[in-house]
PDB file of N, CA and C in Angstrom:
ATOM      1  N   MET A   1       0.845  -1.183   0.000  1.00  0.00           N
ATOM      2  CA  MET A   1       0.000   0.000   0.000  1.00  0.00           C
ATOM      3  C   MET A   1       0.888   1.243   0.000  1.00  0.00           C
ATOM      4  N   THR A   2       0.492   2.250  -0.725  1.00  0.00           N
ATOM      5  CA  THR A   2       1.246   3.499  -0.795  1.00  0.00           C
ATOM      6  C   THR A   2       0.608   4.544   0.097  1.00  0.00           C
ATOM      7  N   VAL A   3       1.440   5.198   0.893  1.00  0.00           N
ATOM      8  CA  VAL A   3       0.988   6.277   1.768  1.00  0.00           C
ATOM      9  C   VAL A   3       1.521   7.578   1.185  1.00  0.00           C
ATOM     10  N   ASN A   4       0.629   8.544   0.948  1.00  0.00           N
ATOM     11  CA  ASN A   4       1.019   9.853   0.427  1.00  0.00           C
ATOM     12  C   ASN A   4       0.888  10.885   1.532  1.00  0.00           C
ATOM     13  N   VAL A   5       1.959  11.670   1.749  1.00  0.00           N
ATOM     14  CA  VAL A   5       1.925  12.717   2.772  1.00  0.00           C
ATOM     15  C   VAL A   5       2.561  13.976   2.204  1.00  0.00           C
ATOM     16  N   ASN A   6       2.160  15.121   2.765  1.00  0.00           N
ATOM     17  CA  ASN A   6       2.818  16.364   2.367  1.00  0.00           C
ATOM     18  C   ASN A   6       4.021  16.591   3.280  1.00  0.00           C
ATOM     19  N   ILE A   7       4.806  17.615   2.986  1.00  0.00           N
ATOM     20  CA  ILE A   7       6.035  17.851   3.737  1.00  0.00           C
ATOM     21  C   ILE A   7       5.747  18.104   5.212  1.00  0.00           C
ATOM     22  N   HIS A   8       4.720  18.884   5.514  1.00  0.00           N
ATOM     23  CA  HIS A   8       4.389  19.171   6.914  1.00  0.00           C
ATOM     24  C   HIS A   8       4.056  17.880   7.661  1.00  0.00           C
ATOM     25  N   GLU A   9       3.240  17.030   7.066  1.00  0.00           N
ATOM     26  CA  GLU A   9       2.901  15.750   7.704  1.00  0.00           C
ATOM     27  C   GLU A   9       4.147  14.888   7.892  1.00  0.00           C
ATOM     28  N   ALA A  10       5.030  14.895   6.905  1.00  0.00           N
ATOM     29  CA  ALA A  10       6.248  14.090   6.999  1.00  0.00           C
ATOM     30  C   ALA A  10       7.121  14.566   8.155  1.00  0.00           C
ATOM     31  N   LYS A  11       7.259  15.886   8.313  1.00  0.00           N
ATOM     32  CA  LYS A  11       8.063  16.416   9.417  1.00  0.00           C
ATOM     33  C   LYS A  11       7.417  16.101  10.761  1.00  0.00           C
ATOM     34  N   THR A  12       6.102  16.223  10.827  1.00  0.00           N
ATOM     35  CA  THR A  12       5.389  16.010  12.081  1.00  0.00           C
ATOM     36  C   THR A  12       5.372  14.545  12.493  1.00  0.00           C
ATOM     37  N   HIS A  13       5.267  13.645  11.533  1.00  0.00           N
ATOM     38  CA  HIS A  13       5.083  12.221  11.836  1.00  0.00           C
ATOM     39  C   HIS A  13       6.209  11.343  11.281  1.00  0.00           C
ATOM     40  N   LEU A  14       7.425  11.868  11.242  1.00  0.00           N
ATOM     41  CA  LEU A  14       8.527  11.124  10.638  1.00  0.00           C
ATOM     42  C   LEU A  14       8.751   9.768  11.307  1.00  0.00           C
ATOM     43  N   SER A  15       8.714   9.713  12.623  1.00  0.00           N
ATOM     44  CA  SER A  15       8.944   8.434  13.317  1.00  0.00           C
ATOM     45  C   SER A  15       7.921   7.390  12.898  1.00  0.00           C
ATOM     46  N   ARG A  16       6.661   7.788  12.831  1.00  0.00           N
ATOM     47  CA  ARG A  16       5.606   6.853  12.430  1.00  0.00           C
ATOM     48  C   ARG A  16       5.795   6.416  10.977  1.00  0.00           C
ATOM     49  N   LEU A  17       6.158   7.360  10.120  1.00  0.00           N
ATOM     50  CA  LEU A  17       6.373   7.024   8.710  1.00  0.00           C
ATOM     51  C   LEU A  17       7.541   6.049   8.548  1.00  0.00           C
ATOM     52  N   LEU A  18       8.609   6.244   9.318  1.00  0.00           N
ATOM     53  CA  LEU A  18       9.744   5.326   9.252  1.00  0.00           C
ATOM     54  C   LEU A  18       9.350   3.924   9.710  1.00  0.00           C
ATOM     55  N   GLU A  19       8.492   3.843  10.713  1.00  0.00           N
ATOM     56  CA  GLU A  19       7.993   2.532  11.150  1.00  0.00           C
ATOM     57  C   GLU A  19       7.198   1.867  10.030  1.00  0.00           C
ATOM     58  N   GLN A  20       6.397   2.656   9.324  1.00  0.00           N
ATOM     59  CA  GLN A  20       5.613   2.108   8.221  1.00  0.00           C
ATOM     60  C   GLN A  20       6.527   1.611   7.099  1.00  0.00           C
ATOM     61  N   VAL A  21       7.569   2.366   6.801  1.00  0.00           N
ATOM     62  CA  VAL A  21       8.519   1.952   5.768  1.00  0.00           C
ATOM     63  C   VAL A  21       9.200   0.655   6.185  1.00  0.00           C
ATOM     64  N   ALA A  22       9.602   0.573   7.456  1.00  0.00           N
ATOM     65  CA  ALA A  22      10.247  -0.642   7.954  1.00  0.00           C
ATOM     66  C   ALA A  22       9.307  -1.838   7.873  1.00  0.00           C
ATOM     67  N   ALA A  23       8.003  -1.579   7.948  1.00  0.00           N
ATOM     68  CA  ALA A  23       7.006  -2.652   7.857  1.00  0.00           C
ATOM     69  C   ALA A  23       6.677  -3.009   6.409  1.00  0.00           C
ATOM     70  N   GLY A  24       7.293  -2.285   5.449  1.00  0.00           N
ATOM     71  CA  GLY A  24       7.094  -2.647   4.048  1.00  0.00           C
ATOM     72  C   GLY A  24       6.213  -1.712   3.245  1.00  0.00           C
ATOM     73  N   GLU A  25       5.713  -0.656   3.865  1.00  0.00           N
ATOM     74  CA  GLU A  25       4.863   0.276   3.119  1.00  0.00           C
ATOM     75  C   GLU A  25       5.710   1.258   2.310  1.00  0.00           C
ATOM     76  N   HIS A  26       5.152   1.750   1.233  1.00  0.00           N
ATOM     77  CA  HIS A  26       5.797   2.733   0.366  1.00  0.00           C
ATOM     78  C   HIS A  26       5.239   4.092   0.745  1.00  0.00           C
ATOM     79  N   VAL A  27       6.122   5.035   1.117  1.00  0.00           N
ATOM     80  CA  VAL A  27       5.688   6.371   1.518  1.00  0.00           C
ATOM     81  C   VAL A  27       6.196   7.380   0.494  1.00  0.00           C
ATOM     82  N   VAL A  28       5.277   8.205  -0.010  1.00  0.00           N
ATOM     83  CA  VAL A  28       5.615   9.252  -0.975  1.00  0.00           C
ATOM     84  C   VAL A  28       5.397  10.598  -0.297  1.00  0.00           C
ATOM     85  N   ILE A  29       6.422  11.449  -0.343  1.00  0.00           N
ATOM     86  CA  ILE A  29       6.313  12.795   0.218  1.00  0.00           C
ATOM     87  C   ILE A  29       6.118  13.766  -0.941  1.00  0.00           C
ATOM     88  N   SER A  30       5.080  14.614  -0.816  1.00  0.00           N
ATOM     89  CA  SER A  30       4.733  15.545  -1.893  1.00  0.00           C
ATOM     90  C   SER A  30       4.877  16.988  -1.440  1.00  0.00           C
ATOM     91  N   LYS A  31       5.155  17.853  -2.412  1.00  0.00           N
ATOM     92  CA  LYS A  31       5.210  19.297  -2.172  1.00  0.00           C
ATOM     93  C   LYS A  31       4.270  19.940  -3.174  1.00  0.00           C
ATOM     94  N   ALA A  32       3.319  20.684  -2.677  1.00  0.00           N
ATOM     95  CA  ALA A  32       2.302  21.329  -3.517  1.00  0.00           C
ATOM     96  C   ALA A  32       1.592  20.300  -4.386  1.00  0.00           C
ATOM     97  N   GLY A  33       1.363  19.117  -3.824  1.00  0.00           N
ATOM     98  CA  GLY A  33       0.626  18.074  -4.525  1.00  0.00           C
ATOM     99  C   GLY A  33       1.437  17.255  -5.513  1.00  0.00           C
ATOM    100  N   LYS A  34       2.727  17.573  -5.659  1.00  0.00           N
ATOM    101  CA  LYS A  34       3.573  16.825  -6.594  1.00  0.00           C
ATOM    102  C   LYS A  34       4.585  15.984  -5.822  1.00  0.00           C
ATOM    103  N   PRO A  35       4.693  14.698  -6.145  1.00  0.00           N
ATOM    104  CA  PRO A  35       5.644  13.828  -5.449  1.00  0.00           C
ATOM    105  C   PRO A  35       7.086  14.320  -5.641  1.00  0.00           C
ATOM    106  N   VAL A  36       7.828  14.407  -4.521  1.00  0.00           N
ATOM    107  CA  VAL A  36       9.226  14.832  -4.601  1.00  0.00           C
ATOM    108  C   VAL A  36      10.193  13.809  -4.003  1.00  0.00           C
ATOM    109  N   ALA A  37       9.687  12.889  -3.166  1.00  0.00           N
ATOM    110  CA  ALA A  37      10.595  11.914  -2.547  1.00  0.00           C
ATOM    111  C   ALA A  37       9.840  10.659  -2.157  1.00  0.00           C
ATOM    112  N   ASP A  38      10.570   9.553  -2.184  1.00  0.00           N
ATOM    113  CA  ASP A  38      10.038   8.276  -1.721  1.00  0.00           C
ATOM    114  C   ASP A  38      10.829   7.851  -0.495  1.00  0.00           C
ATOM    115  N   LEU A  39      10.134   7.400   0.527  1.00  0.00           N
ATOM    116  CA  LEU A  39      10.807   6.790   1.675  1.00  0.00           C
ATOM    117  C   LEU A  39      10.828   5.293   1.421  1.00  0.00           C
ATOM    118  N   VAL A  40      12.018   4.740   1.395  1.00  0.00           N
ATOM    119  CA  VAL A  40      12.175   3.309   1.136  1.00  0.00           C
ATOM    120  C   VAL A  40      13.123   2.726   2.174  1.00  0.00           C
ATOM    121  N   PRO A  41      13.033   1.423   2.434  1.00  0.00           N
ATOM    122  CA  PRO A  41      13.959   0.808   3.388  1.00  0.00           C
ATOM    123  C   PRO A  41      15.402   0.919   2.893  1.00  0.00           C
ATOM    124  N   HIS A  42      16.315   1.074   3.832  1.00  0.00           N
ATOM    125  CA  HIS A  42      17.741   1.149   3.499  1.00  0.00           C
ATOM    126  C   HIS A  42      18.234  -0.206   3.017  1.00  0.00           C
ATOM    127  N   GLN A  43      19.038  -0.196   1.960  1.00  0.00           N
ATOM    128  CA  GLN A  43      19.672  -1.418   1.463  1.00  0.00           C
ATOM    129  C   GLN A  43      21.170  -1.166   1.416  1.00  0.00           C
ATOM    130  N   ALA A  44      21.914  -1.933   2.203  1.00  0.00           N
ATOM    131  CA  ALA A  44      23.364  -1.770   2.239  1.00  0.00           C
ATOM    132  C   ALA A  44      23.958  -2.156   0.885  1.00  0.00           C
ATOM    133  N   ALA A  45      24.892  -1.358   0.436  1.00  0.00           N
ATOM    134  CA  ALA A  45      25.568  -1.652  -0.833  1.00  0.00           C
ATOM    135  C   ALA A  45      26.503  -2.841  -0.637  1.00  0.00           C
ATOM    136  N   PRO A  46      26.545  -3.738  -1.596  1.00  0.00           N
ATOM    137  CA  PRO A  46      27.452  -4.878  -1.464  1.00  0.00           C
ATOM    138  C   PRO A  46      28.908  -4.414  -1.511  1.00  0.00           C
ATOM    139  N   VAL A  47      29.740  -5.083  -0.742  1.00  0.00           N
ATOM    140  CA  VAL A  47      31.160  -4.755  -0.720  1.00  0.00           C
ATOM    141  C   VAL A  47      31.822  -5.396  -1.933  1.00  0.00           C
ATOM    142  N   ARG A  48      32.504  -4.577  -2.722  1.00  0.00           N
ATOM    143  CA  ARG A  48      33.176  -5.082  -3.922  1.00  0.00           C
ATOM    144  C   ARG A  48      34.672  -4.855  -3.779  1.00  0.00           C
ATOM    145  N   PHE A  49      35.405  -5.923  -3.616  1.00  0.00           N
ATOM    146  CA  PHE A  49      36.854  -5.822  -3.552  1.00  0.00           C
ATOM    147  C   PHE A  49      37.429  -6.006  -4.950  1.00  0.00           C
ATOM    148  N   GLY A  50      38.454  -5.269  -5.245  1.00  0.00           N
ATOM    149  CA  GLY A  50      39.128  -5.429  -6.529  1.00  0.00           C
ATOM    150  C   GLY A  50      38.420  -4.766  -7.688  1.00  0.00           C
ATOM    151  N   GLY A  51      37.515  -3.842  -7.409  1.00  0.00           N
ATOM    152  CA  GLY A  51      36.770  -3.196  -8.483  1.00  0.00           C
ATOM    153  C   GLY A  51      37.636  -2.390  -9.436  1.00  0.00           C
ATOM    154  N   LEU A  52      38.785  -1.927  -8.965  1.00  0.00           N
ATOM    155  CA  LEU A  52      39.672  -1.131  -9.819  1.00  0.00           C
ATOM    156  C   LEU A  52      40.926  -1.897 -10.222  1.00  0.00           C
ATOM    157  N   LYS A  53      40.928  -3.195 -10.011  1.00  0.00           N
ATOM    158  CA  LYS A  53      42.108  -3.993 -10.342  1.00  0.00           C
ATOM    159  C   LYS A  53      42.444  -3.822 -11.825  1.00  0.00           C
ATOM    160  N   GLY A  54      43.690  -3.475 -12.079  1.00  0.00           N
ATOM    161  CA  GLY A  54      44.138  -3.279 -13.452  1.00  0.00           C
ATOM    162  C   GLY A  54      43.797  -1.917 -14.030  1.00  0.00           C
ATOM    163  N   GLU A  55      43.087  -1.082 -13.281  1.00  0.00           N
ATOM    164  CA  GLU A  55      42.670   0.228 -13.788  1.00  0.00           C
ATOM    165  C   GLU A  55      43.628   1.345 -13.387  1.00  0.00           C
ATOM    166  N   LEU A  56      44.413   1.122 -12.343  1.00  0.00           N
ATOM    167  CA  LEU A  56      45.299   2.167 -11.845  1.00  0.00           C
ATOM    168  C   LEU A  56      46.747   1.834 -12.169  1.00  0.00           C
ATOM    169  N   ALA A  57      47.466   2.814 -12.632  1.00  0.00           N
ATOM    170  CA  ALA A  57      48.885   2.619 -12.914  1.00  0.00           C
ATOM    171  C   ALA A  57      49.691   3.199 -11.755  1.00  0.00           C
ATOM    172  N   TYR A  58      50.687   2.449 -11.293  1.00  0.00           N
ATOM    173  CA  TYR A  58      51.555   2.938 -10.233  1.00  0.00           C
ATOM    174  C   TYR A  58      52.922   2.285 -10.373  1.00  0.00           C
ATOM    175  N   ASP A  59      53.888   2.905  -9.763  1.00  0.00           N
ATOM    176  CA  ASP A  59      55.261   2.419  -9.789  1.00  0.00           C
ATOM    177  C   ASP A  59      55.468   1.514  -8.583  1.00  0.00           C
ATOM    178  N   ASP A  60      55.809   0.256  -8.801  1.00  0.00           N
ATOM    179  CA  ASP A  60      56.029  -0.683  -7.699  1.00  0.00           C
ATOM    180  C   ASP A  60      57.082  -0.176  -6.725  1.00  0.00           C
ATOM    181  N   ASP A  61      58.079   0.540  -7.216  1.00  0.00           N
ATOM    182  CA  ASP A  61      59.135   1.048  -6.345  1.00  0.00           C
ATOM    183  C   ASP A  61      58.612   2.088  -5.355  1.00  0.00           C
ATOM    184  N   ALA A  62      57.499   2.719  -5.669  1.00  0.00           N
ATOM    185  CA  ALA A  62      56.938   3.715  -4.766  1.00  0.00           C
ATOM    186  C   ALA A  62      56.483   3.082  -3.461  1.00  0.00           C
ATOM    187  N   PHE A  63      56.219   1.784  -3.460  1.00  0.00           N
ATOM    188  CA  PHE A  63      55.744   1.098  -2.267  1.00  0.00           C
ATOM    189  C   PHE A  63      56.834   0.263  -1.602  1.00  0.00           C
ATOM    190  N   ALA A  64      58.037   0.322  -2.111  1.00  0.00           N
ATOM    191  CA  ALA A  64      59.138  -0.440  -1.519  1.00  0.00           C
ATOM    192  C   ALA A  64      59.540   0.227  -0.209  1.00  0.00           C
ATOM    193  N   GLY A  65      59.563  -0.546   0.868  1.00  0.00           N
ATOM    194  CA  GLY A  65      59.921  -0.009   2.179  1.00  0.00           C
ATOM    195  C   GLY A  65      61.420   0.161   2.313  1.00  0.00           C
ATOM    196  N   VAL A  66      61.828   1.226   2.970  1.00  0.00           N
ATOM    197  CA  VAL A  66      63.238   1.462   3.222  1.00  0.00           C
ATOM    198  C   VAL A  66      63.711   0.516   4.316  1.00  0.00           C
ATOM    199  N   ASP A  67      62.896   0.350   5.343  1.00  0.00           N
ATOM    200  CA  ASP A  67      63.223  -0.532   6.463  1.00  0.00           C
ATOM    201  C   ASP A  67      62.853  -1.965   6.094  1.00  0.00           C
ATOM    202  N   PRO A  68      63.798  -2.898   6.138  1.00  0.00           N
ATOM    203  CA  PRO A  68      63.502  -4.286   5.764  1.00  0.00           C
ATOM    204  C   PRO A  68      62.403  -4.931   6.615  1.00  0.00           C
ATOM    205  N   ASP A  69      62.303  -4.546   7.895  1.00  0.00           N
ATOM    206  CA  ASP A  69      61.257  -5.112   8.759  1.00  0.00           C
ATOM    207  C   ASP A  69      59.872  -4.665   8.301  1.00  0.00           C
ATOM    208  N   ILE A  70      59.751  -3.401   7.929  1.00  0.00           N
ATOM    209  CA  ILE A  70      58.472  -2.879   7.431  1.00  0.00           C
ATOM    210  C   ILE A  70      58.129  -3.551   6.107  1.00  0.00           C
ATOM    211  N   GLN A  71      59.102  -3.668   5.233  1.00  0.00           N
ATOM    212  CA  GLN A  71      58.865  -4.299   3.937  1.00  0.00           C
ATOM    213  C   GLN A  71      58.413  -5.746   4.132  1.00  0.00           C
ATOM    214  N   GLU A  72      58.996  -6.444   5.101  1.00  0.00           N
ATOM    215  CA  GLU A  72      58.607  -7.831   5.363  1.00  0.00           C
ATOM    216  C   GLU A  72      57.167  -7.913   5.856  1.00  0.00           C
ATOM    217  N   MET A  73      56.730  -6.910   6.659  1.00  0.00           N
ATOM    218  CA  MET A  73      55.345  -6.913   7.141  1.00  0.00           C
ATOM    219  C   MET A  73      54.358  -6.824   5.981  1.00  0.00           C
ATOM    220  N   PHE A  74      54.699  -6.049   4.951  1.00  0.00           N
ATOM    221  CA  PHE A  74      53.789  -5.871   3.829  1.00  0.00           C
ATOM    222  C   PHE A  74      53.902  -6.969   2.780  1.00  0.00           C
ATOM    223  N   TYR A  75      55.113  -7.403   2.508  1.00  0.00           N
ATOM    224  CA  TYR A  75      55.339  -8.316   1.389  1.00  0.00           C
ATOM    225  C   TYR A  75      55.754  -9.719   1.800  1.00  0.00           C
ATOM    226  N   GLY A  76      55.993  -9.935   3.091  1.00  0.00           N
ATOM    227  CA  GLY A  76      56.444 -11.249   3.544  1.00  0.00           C
ATOM    228  C   GLY A  76      57.952 -11.361   3.445  1.00  0.00           C
ATOM    229  N   ARG A  77      58.446 -12.444   3.953  1.00  0.00           N
ATOM    230  CA  ARG A  77      59.888 -12.668   3.970  1.00  0.00           C
ATOM    231  C   ARG A  77      60.365 -13.070   2.585  1.00  0.00           C
ATOM    232  N   ASP A  78      61.442 -12.478   2.159  1.00  0.00           N
ATOM    233  CA  ASP A  78      62.057 -12.822   0.880  1.00  0.00           C
ATOM    234  C   ASP A  78      63.193 -13.794   1.161  1.00  0.00           C
ATOM    235  N   ASP A  79      62.870 -15.103   1.146  1.00  0.00           N
ATOM    236  CA  ASP A  79      63.862 -16.124   1.464  1.00  0.00           C
ATOM    237  C   ASP A  79      64.975 -16.184   0.436  1.00  0.00           C
ATOM    238  N   ALA A  80      64.730 -15.720  -0.773  1.00  0.00           N
ATOM    239  CA  ALA A  80      65.747 -15.758  -1.818  1.00  0.00           C
ATOM    240  C   ALA A  80      66.877 -14.780  -1.509  1.00  0.00           C
ATOM    241  N   ALA A  81      66.536 -13.685  -0.798  1.00  0.00           N
ATOM    242  CA  ALA A  81      67.550 -12.682  -0.483  1.00  0.00           C
ATOM    243  C   ALA A  81      68.399 -13.100   0.706  1.00  0.00           C
ATOM    244  N   SER A  82      67.957 -14.063   1.494  1.00  0.00           N
ATOM    245  CA  SER A  82      68.695 -14.475   2.695  1.00  0.00           C
ATOM    246  C   SER A  82      69.853 -15.361   2.355  1.00  0.00           C
TER     247      SER A  82
END
């Protein structure tokens, strides 16, 4: 079911409207009789790792640590160098 309210009603009854949205109702807020906003339940955006993989250019040397202990923390032990 769709609930239509004007801006004044939305400000006055926001808590109640949010409860209705959480219960699955569609709330439309209107200004001068014209719809301007929809109240909808929040949907968390999915986490996307690696979205820019291969898109950014950088110099590997820029991330090389000066301190061998710090470099080992980031890149692991280089047994070939030992």
